[in-house]
Amino acid sequence: METLYKGKFLNMVCAGRWEYCERVNNTAAAMIFACTAEGKVLLVEEYRPPIAAQSICFPAGLIGDIEPEDGVVAAGRELLEETGYEASAMRYLFTGPSSPGLTSEVISFYLADGLVRKTNGGGVEGENITVHEVPLSDIDAWLTEQMAAGKSIDPRVYTGLYFLKQHA
């Protein structure tokens, strides 16, 4: 493998004919599928420079980017930081590549249960996250409205909705 570019957070590498990005300090992330007892899906919105648009997604973040931590611990931390909710239980679902032709990053998916609001959320310093609490019964229409407004919907939202509807 040849390093084409070294950055602070990402390296661009070449392996044979494949050029791709790898994270400098870790390659793992967690995404949390969460729905309150009242049936409200927790989604987050944040501006993403690579696509020059607001993006709507489930709460997610890197595992062990600050200090070593277990995936379930990172999932709980990210859920609280981004949405302000704490889960009494976090169930691991599966792990898969985030974009296998572009990056070495893998994402572990978790289903949060027993949610209790602790803060307003919004992320940590430097993040400007908007929290959306959308009734599961209205989620399809709401997502359509958001797309019509020019916002990008992360395709993994639909994966999370599958699991939340199975869990409901």
N, C-alpha and C. Protein backbone atom coordinates (compact mmCIF):
# COMPACT_ATOMS: atom_id res chain seq x y z
N MET A 1 0.84 -1.17 0.00
CA MET A 1 0.00 0.00 0.00
C MET A 1 0.89 1.24 0.00
N GLU A 2 0.54 2.20 -0.82
CA GLU A 2 1.31 3.43 -0.95
C GLU A 2 0.49 4.59 -0.39
N THR A 3 1.11 5.43 0.41
CA THR A 3 0.44 6.62 0.93
C THR A 3 0.62 7.75 -0.08
N LEU A 4 -0.50 8.27 -0.59
CA LEU A 4 -0.47 9.35 -1.56
C LEU A 4 -0.51 10.72 -0.90
N TYR A 5 -1.19 10.78 0.24
CA TYR A 5 -1.33 12.04 0.97
C TYR A 5 -1.56 11.72 2.44
N LYS A 6 -0.88 12.47 3.32
CA LYS A 6 -1.08 12.31 4.76
C LYS A 6 -1.73 13.58 5.29
N GLY A 7 -2.88 13.41 5.91
CA GLY A 7 -3.57 14.54 6.51
C GLY A 7 -3.65 14.38 8.01
N LYS A 8 -4.25 15.36 8.67
CA LYS A 8 -4.38 15.31 10.12
C LYS A 8 -5.35 14.22 10.55
N PHE A 9 -6.44 14.03 9.79
CA PHE A 9 -7.46 13.05 10.15
C PHE A 9 -7.61 11.92 9.14
N LEU A 10 -7.23 12.18 7.88
CA LEU A 10 -7.38 11.20 6.81
C LEU A 10 -6.11 11.07 6.00
N ASN A 11 -5.84 9.86 5.54
CA ASN A 11 -4.78 9.62 4.57
C ASN A 11 -5.42 9.13 3.28
N MET A 12 -4.82 9.49 2.17
CA MET A 12 -5.24 8.97 0.87
C MET A 12 -4.19 7.92 0.51
N VAL A 13 -4.64 6.70 0.25
CA VAL A 13 -3.72 5.60 -0.01
C VAL A 13 -4.07 4.92 -1.33
N CYS A 14 -3.13 4.13 -1.82
CA CYS A 14 -3.32 3.39 -3.06
C CYS A 14 -2.90 1.94 -2.81
N ALA A 15 -3.78 1.03 -3.16
CA ALA A 15 -3.50 -0.40 -3.06
C ALA A 15 -3.84 -1.00 -4.42
N GLY A 16 -2.82 -1.30 -5.21
CA GLY A 16 -3.08 -1.74 -6.58
C GLY A 16 -3.67 -0.58 -7.36
N ARG A 17 -4.84 -0.81 -7.95
CA ARG A 17 -5.50 0.27 -8.70
C ARG A 17 -6.50 1.05 -7.87
N TRP A 18 -6.69 0.64 -6.60
CA TRP A 18 -7.66 1.30 -5.71
C TRP A 18 -7.04 2.45 -4.95
N GLU A 19 -7.63 3.62 -5.09
CA GLU A 19 -7.29 4.76 -4.25
C GLU A 19 -8.45 4.95 -3.28
N TYR A 20 -8.11 5.11 -2.00
CA TYR A 20 -9.17 5.29 -1.01
C TYR A 20 -8.63 6.04 0.20
N CYS A 21 -9.56 6.47 1.06
CA CYS A 21 -9.21 7.18 2.29
C CYS A 21 -9.21 6.22 3.46
N GLU A 22 -8.31 6.49 4.39
CA GLU A 22 -8.35 5.77 5.65
C GLU A 22 -8.19 6.78 6.77
N ARG A 23 -8.88 6.55 7.86
CA ARG A 23 -8.76 7.45 9.01
C ARG A 23 -7.39 7.25 9.64
N VAL A 24 -6.82 8.31 10.16
CA VAL A 24 -5.48 8.26 10.73
C VAL A 24 -5.44 7.46 12.03
N ASN A 25 -6.36 7.73 12.95
CA ASN A 25 -6.28 7.11 14.27
C ASN A 25 -7.22 5.94 14.51
N ASN A 26 -8.24 5.79 13.70
CA ASN A 26 -9.13 4.65 13.86
C ASN A 26 -9.97 4.48 12.60
N THR A 27 -10.62 3.34 12.48
CA THR A 27 -11.46 3.09 11.30
C THR A 27 -12.86 2.66 11.69
N ALA A 28 -13.25 2.91 12.95
CA ALA A 28 -14.55 2.43 13.41
C ALA A 28 -15.46 3.58 13.83
N ALA A 29 -16.74 3.41 13.53
CA ALA A 29 -17.76 4.39 13.92
C ALA A 29 -18.97 3.63 14.46
N ALA A 30 -19.83 4.37 15.15
CA ALA A 30 -21.08 3.80 15.66
C ALA A 30 -22.23 4.66 15.19
N MET A 31 -23.34 4.01 14.82
CA MET A 31 -24.58 4.72 14.48
C MET A 31 -25.68 4.14 15.35
N ILE A 32 -26.52 5.04 15.87
CA ILE A 32 -27.52 4.64 16.84
C ILE A 32 -28.92 4.88 16.30
N PHE A 33 -29.71 3.81 16.22
CA PHE A 33 -31.11 3.91 15.83
C PHE A 33 -31.91 4.08 17.11
N ALA A 34 -32.61 5.22 17.23
CA ALA A 34 -33.29 5.54 18.48
C ALA A 34 -34.69 6.08 18.24
N CYS A 35 -35.63 5.62 19.07
CA CYS A 35 -37.02 6.06 19.03
C CYS A 35 -37.50 6.14 20.48
N THR A 36 -38.11 7.26 20.85
CA THR A 36 -38.57 7.44 22.22
C THR A 36 -39.77 6.55 22.52
N ALA A 37 -40.11 6.43 23.80
CA ALA A 37 -41.28 5.66 24.22
C ALA A 37 -42.56 6.24 23.62
N GLU A 38 -42.53 7.53 23.30
CA GLU A 38 -43.69 8.20 22.69
C GLU A 38 -43.74 7.98 21.18
N GLY A 39 -42.80 7.20 20.64
CA GLY A 39 -42.80 6.89 19.22
C GLY A 39 -42.17 7.94 18.34
N LYS A 40 -41.25 8.73 18.89
CA LYS A 40 -40.56 9.76 18.10
C LYS A 40 -39.16 9.30 17.73
N VAL A 41 -38.90 9.29 16.44
CA VAL A 41 -37.59 8.91 15.91
C VAL A 41 -36.62 10.07 16.15
N LEU A 42 -35.42 9.76 16.66
CA LEU A 42 -34.41 10.78 16.89
C LEU A 42 -33.45 10.83 15.71
N LEU A 43 -33.48 11.94 15.00
CA LEU A 43 -32.58 12.18 13.88
C LEU A 43 -31.80 13.45 14.14
N VAL A 44 -30.63 13.55 13.53
CA VAL A 44 -29.81 14.75 13.66
C VAL A 44 -29.54 15.34 12.29
N GLU A 45 -29.38 16.66 12.28
CA GLU A 45 -29.11 17.39 11.03
C GLU A 45 -27.86 18.22 11.23
N GLU A 46 -26.99 18.16 10.24
CA GLU A 46 -25.73 18.89 10.32
C GLU A 46 -25.26 19.21 8.91
N TYR A 47 -24.65 20.37 8.73
CA TYR A 47 -24.08 20.73 7.44
C TYR A 47 -22.85 19.88 7.19
N ARG A 48 -22.76 19.31 5.99
CA ARG A 48 -21.63 18.47 5.62
C ARG A 48 -20.91 19.07 4.41
N PRO A 49 -19.72 19.65 4.62
CA PRO A 49 -19.00 20.29 3.52
C PRO A 49 -18.75 19.41 2.29
N PRO A 50 -18.45 18.09 2.43
CA PRO A 50 -18.19 17.31 1.21
C PRO A 50 -19.36 17.28 0.23
N ILE A 51 -20.59 17.43 0.73
CA ILE A 51 -21.75 17.44 -0.17
C ILE A 51 -22.39 18.82 -0.24
N ALA A 52 -21.84 19.78 0.48
CA ALA A 52 -22.32 21.17 0.50
C ALA A 52 -23.83 21.24 0.77
N ALA A 53 -24.26 20.50 1.78
CA ALA A 53 -25.69 20.46 2.09
C ALA A 53 -25.91 20.05 3.54
N GLN A 54 -27.10 20.39 4.04
CA GLN A 54 -27.54 19.87 5.32
C GLN A 54 -27.82 18.39 5.13
N SER A 55 -27.39 17.58 6.07
CA SER A 55 -27.58 16.14 5.99
C SER A 55 -28.35 15.66 7.21
N ILE A 56 -29.33 14.79 6.98
CA ILE A 56 -30.12 14.22 8.06
C ILE A 56 -29.74 12.76 8.21
N CYS A 57 -29.48 12.38 9.45
CA CYS A 57 -28.97 11.05 9.73
C CYS A 57 -29.37 10.65 11.15
N PHE A 58 -29.14 9.40 11.48
CA PHE A 58 -29.22 8.99 12.88
C PHE A 58 -27.94 9.45 13.57
N PRO A 59 -27.98 9.64 14.88
CA PRO A 59 -26.77 10.03 15.59
C PRO A 59 -25.65 9.01 15.34
N ALA A 60 -24.44 9.52 15.18
CA ALA A 60 -23.31 8.65 14.87
C ALA A 60 -22.01 9.36 15.21
N GLY A 61 -20.95 8.58 15.35
CA GLY A 61 -19.65 9.17 15.58
C GLY A 61 -18.57 8.12 15.68
N LEU A 62 -17.36 8.59 15.79
CA LEU A 62 -16.21 7.69 15.82
C LEU A 62 -16.11 6.95 17.15
N ILE A 63 -15.63 5.74 17.07
CA ILE A 63 -15.37 4.92 18.26
C ILE A 63 -13.90 5.09 18.61
N GLY A 64 -13.63 5.53 19.83
CA GLY A 64 -12.24 5.62 20.29
C GLY A 64 -11.43 6.72 19.66
N ASP A 65 -12.07 7.80 19.20
CA ASP A 65 -11.30 8.87 18.57
C ASP A 65 -10.56 9.74 19.59
N ILE A 66 -11.04 9.76 20.82
CA ILE A 66 -10.39 10.56 21.86
C ILE A 66 -9.56 9.67 22.77
N GLU A 67 -10.13 8.56 23.18
CA GLU A 67 -9.44 7.57 24.01
C GLU A 67 -10.03 6.21 23.69
N PRO A 68 -9.31 5.13 23.97
CA PRO A 68 -9.86 3.80 23.67
C PRO A 68 -11.20 3.59 24.36
N GLU A 69 -12.17 3.04 23.63
CA GLU A 69 -13.47 2.75 24.21
C GLU A 69 -14.16 1.65 23.42
N ASP A 70 -15.05 0.97 24.09
CA ASP A 70 -15.87 -0.07 23.49
C ASP A 70 -16.92 0.58 22.59
N GLY A 71 -17.37 -0.13 21.57
CA GLY A 71 -18.36 0.39 20.65
C GLY A 71 -19.66 0.79 21.32
N VAL A 72 -20.14 -0.01 22.27
CA VAL A 72 -21.40 0.30 22.94
C VAL A 72 -21.25 1.55 23.81
N VAL A 73 -20.08 1.75 24.38
CA VAL A 73 -19.81 2.96 25.17
C VAL A 73 -19.82 4.18 24.24
N ALA A 74 -19.17 4.06 23.09
CA ALA A 74 -19.15 5.15 22.12
C ALA A 74 -20.56 5.46 21.63
N ALA A 75 -21.36 4.43 21.40
CA ALA A 75 -22.73 4.64 20.93
C ALA A 75 -23.53 5.44 21.96
N GLY A 76 -23.41 5.08 23.24
CA GLY A 76 -24.09 5.81 24.29
C GLY A 76 -23.61 7.25 24.40
N ARG A 77 -22.32 7.44 24.27
CA ARG A 77 -21.73 8.78 24.34
C ARG A 77 -22.22 9.64 23.19
N GLU A 78 -22.18 9.11 21.98
CA GLU A 78 -22.62 9.87 20.81
C GLU A 78 -24.11 10.20 20.87
N LEU A 79 -24.93 9.25 21.32
CA LEU A 79 -26.36 9.50 21.46
C LEU A 79 -26.61 10.67 22.40
N LEU A 80 -25.95 10.67 23.55
CA LEU A 80 -26.12 11.73 24.52
C LEU A 80 -25.60 13.07 24.00
N GLU A 81 -24.39 13.07 23.43
CA GLU A 81 -23.81 14.31 22.91
C GLU A 81 -24.69 14.94 21.82
N GLU A 82 -25.14 14.12 20.89
CA GLU A 82 -25.84 14.65 19.73
C GLU A 82 -27.32 14.92 19.97
N THR A 83 -28.00 14.05 20.71
CA THR A 83 -29.46 14.21 20.88
C THR A 83 -29.87 14.67 22.26
N GLY A 84 -29.00 14.50 23.25
CA GLY A 84 -29.36 14.82 24.63
C GLY A 84 -30.07 13.69 25.34
N TYR A 85 -30.24 12.54 24.68
CA TYR A 85 -30.92 11.39 25.28
C TYR A 85 -29.90 10.36 25.74
N GLU A 86 -30.24 9.72 26.86
CA GLU A 86 -29.45 8.61 27.38
C GLU A 86 -30.29 7.35 27.25
N ALA A 87 -29.66 6.25 26.89
CA ALA A 87 -30.36 4.97 26.74
C ALA A 87 -30.07 4.07 27.92
N SER A 88 -31.11 3.37 28.41
CA SER A 88 -30.88 2.41 29.49
C SER A 88 -30.31 1.11 28.93
N ALA A 89 -30.52 0.87 27.64
CA ALA A 89 -29.98 -0.33 26.97
C ALA A 89 -29.56 0.03 25.56
N MET A 90 -28.47 -0.57 25.13
CA MET A 90 -27.95 -0.35 23.78
C MET A 90 -27.65 -1.74 23.21
N ARG A 91 -28.42 -2.13 22.17
CA ARG A 91 -28.27 -3.46 21.59
C ARG A 91 -27.47 -3.39 20.29
N TYR A 92 -26.38 -4.14 20.23
CA TYR A 92 -25.57 -4.22 19.01
C TYR A 92 -26.37 -4.97 17.95
N LEU A 93 -26.39 -4.43 16.72
CA LEU A 93 -27.09 -5.07 15.61
C LEU A 93 -26.13 -5.74 14.63
N PHE A 94 -25.24 -4.96 14.04
CA PHE A 94 -24.28 -5.51 13.07
C PHE A 94 -23.23 -4.46 12.75
N THR A 95 -22.18 -4.88 12.05
CA THR A 95 -21.11 -3.99 11.59
C THR A 95 -20.95 -4.17 10.09
N GLY A 96 -20.74 -3.06 9.40
CA GLY A 96 -20.52 -3.13 7.96
C GLY A 96 -19.74 -1.93 7.47
N PRO A 97 -19.26 -1.98 6.23
CA PRO A 97 -18.47 -0.88 5.68
C PRO A 97 -19.35 0.34 5.40
N SER A 98 -18.80 1.54 5.63
CA SER A 98 -19.57 2.75 5.37
C SER A 98 -19.63 3.06 3.88
N SER A 99 -18.56 2.86 3.18
CA SER A 99 -18.50 3.06 1.73
C SER A 99 -17.29 2.27 1.23
N PRO A 100 -17.47 0.96 0.95
CA PRO A 100 -16.34 0.07 0.71
C PRO A 100 -15.45 0.41 -0.49
N GLY A 101 -15.93 1.22 -1.40
CA GLY A 101 -15.09 1.62 -2.53
C GLY A 101 -14.33 2.91 -2.28
N LEU A 102 -14.62 3.57 -1.15
CA LEU A 102 -14.03 4.88 -0.87
C LEU A 102 -13.18 4.92 0.39
N THR A 103 -13.54 4.11 1.40
CA THR A 103 -12.87 4.22 2.69
C THR A 103 -12.79 2.88 3.40
N SER A 104 -11.83 2.78 4.30
CA SER A 104 -11.66 1.56 5.11
C SER A 104 -12.55 1.59 6.35
N GLU A 105 -13.28 2.67 6.57
CA GLU A 105 -14.12 2.82 7.75
C GLU A 105 -15.25 1.79 7.79
N VAL A 106 -15.50 1.26 8.99
CA VAL A 106 -16.64 0.38 9.23
C VAL A 106 -17.53 1.02 10.29
N ILE A 107 -18.83 0.72 10.21
CA ILE A 107 -19.79 1.28 11.16
C ILE A 107 -20.49 0.14 11.88
N SER A 108 -20.55 0.25 13.20
CA SER A 108 -21.34 -0.68 14.00
C SER A 108 -22.66 0.00 14.32
N PHE A 109 -23.75 -0.74 14.15
CA PHE A 109 -25.09 -0.20 14.33
C PHE A 109 -25.68 -0.73 15.63
N TYR A 110 -26.34 0.19 16.37
CA TYR A 110 -26.91 -0.12 17.67
C TYR A 110 -28.36 0.34 17.73
N LEU A 111 -29.17 -0.38 18.47
CA LEU A 111 -30.56 -0.02 18.72
C LEU A 111 -30.65 0.44 20.17
N ALA A 112 -31.04 1.71 20.37
CA ALA A 112 -31.14 2.27 21.72
C ALA A 112 -32.53 2.03 22.27
N ASP A 113 -32.60 1.78 23.56
CA ASP A 113 -33.88 1.53 24.21
C ASP A 113 -33.90 2.21 25.57
N GLY A 114 -35.09 2.50 26.07
CA GLY A 114 -35.23 3.13 27.38
C GLY A 114 -34.65 4.53 27.42
N LEU A 115 -35.04 5.35 26.46
CA LEU A 115 -34.47 6.69 26.33
C LEU A 115 -35.02 7.66 27.37
N VAL A 116 -34.11 8.45 27.93
CA VAL A 116 -34.46 9.50 28.88
C VAL A 116 -33.71 10.76 28.46
N ARG A 117 -34.44 11.87 28.32
CA ARG A 117 -33.79 13.13 27.94
C ARG A 117 -33.01 13.69 29.12
N LYS A 118 -31.73 14.00 28.86
CA LYS A 118 -30.84 14.54 29.89
C LYS A 118 -30.41 15.98 29.59
N THR A 119 -30.21 16.30 28.30
CA THR A 119 -29.78 17.63 27.87
C THR A 119 -30.49 17.97 26.57
N ASN A 120 -30.15 19.12 26.00
CA ASN A 120 -30.72 19.50 24.70
C ASN A 120 -29.98 18.87 23.54
N GLY A 121 -28.81 18.29 23.77
CA GLY A 121 -28.03 17.71 22.68
C GLY A 121 -27.39 18.81 21.85
N GLY A 122 -27.16 18.52 20.59
CA GLY A 122 -26.55 19.50 19.69
C GLY A 122 -25.09 19.28 19.41
N GLY A 123 -24.50 18.26 20.04
CA GLY A 123 -23.10 17.94 19.77
C GLY A 123 -22.14 18.60 20.73
N VAL A 124 -20.87 18.43 20.44
CA VAL A 124 -19.79 19.01 21.25
C VAL A 124 -19.31 20.29 20.56
N GLU A 125 -18.36 20.96 21.19
CA GLU A 125 -17.84 22.21 20.64
C GLU A 125 -17.41 22.04 19.18
N GLY A 126 -17.83 22.97 18.35
CA GLY A 126 -17.50 22.91 16.94
C GLY A 126 -18.56 22.23 16.09
N GLU A 127 -19.48 21.52 16.73
CA GLU A 127 -20.58 20.88 16.00
C GLU A 127 -21.81 21.79 16.11
N ASN A 128 -22.58 21.80 15.07
CA ASN A 128 -23.81 22.59 15.05
C ASN A 128 -24.94 21.66 14.63
N ILE A 129 -25.34 20.80 15.55
CA ILE A 129 -26.30 19.74 15.25
C ILE A 129 -27.70 20.16 15.68
N THR A 130 -28.65 19.97 14.79
CA THR A 130 -30.07 20.17 15.10
C THR A 130 -30.68 18.80 15.34
N VAL A 131 -31.41 18.67 16.45
CA VAL A 131 -32.07 17.41 16.79
C VAL A 131 -33.50 17.46 16.29
N HIS A 132 -33.93 16.40 15.62
CA HIS A 132 -35.31 16.27 15.16
C HIS A 132 -35.95 15.08 15.86
N GLU A 133 -37.12 15.30 16.41
CA GLU A 133 -37.92 14.23 17.01
C GLU A 133 -39.18 14.11 16.16
N VAL A 134 -39.22 13.07 15.34
CA VAL A 134 -40.29 12.92 14.35
C VAL A 134 -41.11 11.68 14.67
N PRO A 135 -42.44 11.84 14.79
CA PRO A 135 -43.27 10.65 15.03
C PRO A 135 -43.02 9.58 13.96
N LEU A 136 -42.81 8.35 14.41
CA LEU A 136 -42.57 7.24 13.47
C LEU A 136 -43.69 7.15 12.44
N SER A 137 -44.91 7.45 12.86
CA SER A 137 -46.06 7.37 11.95
C SER A 137 -46.00 8.43 10.85
N ASP A 138 -45.23 9.51 11.05
CA ASP A 138 -45.14 10.60 10.06
C ASP A 138 -43.79 10.65 9.34
N ILE A 139 -42.91 9.71 9.64
CA ILE A 139 -41.52 9.82 9.19
C ILE A 139 -41.36 9.85 7.67
N ASP A 140 -42.14 9.05 6.94
CA ASP A 140 -41.98 9.02 5.49
C ASP A 140 -42.31 10.38 4.86
N ALA A 141 -43.43 10.98 5.27
CA ALA A 141 -43.81 12.29 4.74
C ALA A 141 -42.80 13.35 5.16
N TRP A 142 -42.31 13.27 6.41
CA TRP A 142 -41.34 14.24 6.88
C TRP A 142 -40.04 14.17 6.08
N LEU A 143 -39.57 12.96 5.82
CA LEU A 143 -38.34 12.81 5.03
C LEU A 143 -38.53 13.35 3.61
N THR A 144 -39.68 13.11 3.03
CA THR A 144 -39.98 13.63 1.70
C THR A 144 -39.95 15.16 1.71
N GLU A 145 -40.52 15.78 2.73
CA GLU A 145 -40.50 17.24 2.87
C GLU A 145 -39.07 17.76 3.00
N GLN A 146 -38.24 17.06 3.76
CA GLN A 146 -36.86 17.48 3.94
C GLN A 146 -36.08 17.41 2.63
N MET A 147 -36.30 16.35 1.86
CA MET A 147 -35.64 16.24 0.56
C MET A 147 -36.10 17.35 -0.37
N ALA A 148 -37.40 17.65 -0.36
CA ALA A 148 -37.93 18.72 -1.20
C ALA A 148 -37.34 20.07 -0.82
N ALA A 149 -36.95 20.22 0.45
CA ALA A 149 -36.33 21.45 0.93
C ALA A 149 -34.83 21.50 0.61
N GLY A 150 -34.31 20.49 -0.07
CA GLY A 150 -32.91 20.47 -0.48
C GLY A 150 -31.96 19.81 0.50
N LYS A 151 -32.50 19.16 1.50
CA LYS A 151 -31.63 18.47 2.46
C LYS A 151 -31.31 17.06 1.97
N SER A 152 -30.14 16.58 2.35
CA SER A 152 -29.69 15.25 1.97
C SER A 152 -30.06 14.26 3.08
N ILE A 153 -30.66 13.16 2.69
CA ILE A 153 -31.01 12.12 3.65
C ILE A 153 -29.99 10.99 3.53
N ASP A 154 -29.29 10.72 4.62
CA ASP A 154 -28.33 9.61 4.62
C ASP A 154 -29.12 8.33 4.37
N PRO A 155 -28.74 7.51 3.39
CA PRO A 155 -29.50 6.28 3.09
C PRO A 155 -29.62 5.33 4.28
N ARG A 156 -28.71 5.44 5.24
CA ARG A 156 -28.79 4.56 6.41
C ARG A 156 -29.98 4.90 7.30
N VAL A 157 -30.61 6.05 7.06
CA VAL A 157 -31.84 6.38 7.79
C VAL A 157 -32.88 5.29 7.51
N TYR A 158 -32.94 4.84 6.28
CA TYR A 158 -33.93 3.82 5.92
C TYR A 158 -33.60 2.47 6.54
N THR A 159 -32.33 2.17 6.71
CA THR A 159 -31.92 0.96 7.43
C THR A 159 -32.39 1.04 8.87
N GLY A 160 -32.16 2.19 9.50
CA GLY A 160 -32.58 2.38 10.88
C GLY A 160 -34.08 2.29 11.05
N LEU A 161 -34.83 2.83 10.09
CA LEU A 161 -36.29 2.77 10.18
C LEU A 161 -36.78 1.33 10.09
N TYR A 162 -36.11 0.51 9.30
CA TYR A 162 -36.46 -0.91 9.23
C TYR A 162 -36.36 -1.52 10.63
N PHE A 163 -35.24 -1.28 11.30
CA PHE A 163 -35.04 -1.88 12.63
C PHE A 163 -35.99 -1.29 13.66
N LEU A 164 -36.24 0.01 13.58
CA LEU A 164 -37.16 0.63 14.54
C LEU A 164 -38.60 0.12 14.36
N LYS A 165 -39.00 -0.10 13.11
CA LYS A 165 -40.35 -0.61 12.86
C LYS A 165 -40.48 -2.06 13.32
N GLN A 166 -39.40 -2.83 13.24
CA GLN A 166 -39.40 -4.21 13.74
C GLN A 166 -39.48 -4.23 15.26
N HIS A 167 -38.88 -3.22 15.88
CA HIS A 167 -38.79 -3.13 17.34
C HIS A 167 -40.04 -2.53 17.97
N ALA A 168 -40.80 -1.77 17.18
CA ALA A 168 -41.98 -1.04 17.71
C ALA A 168 -43.07 -1.98 18.19
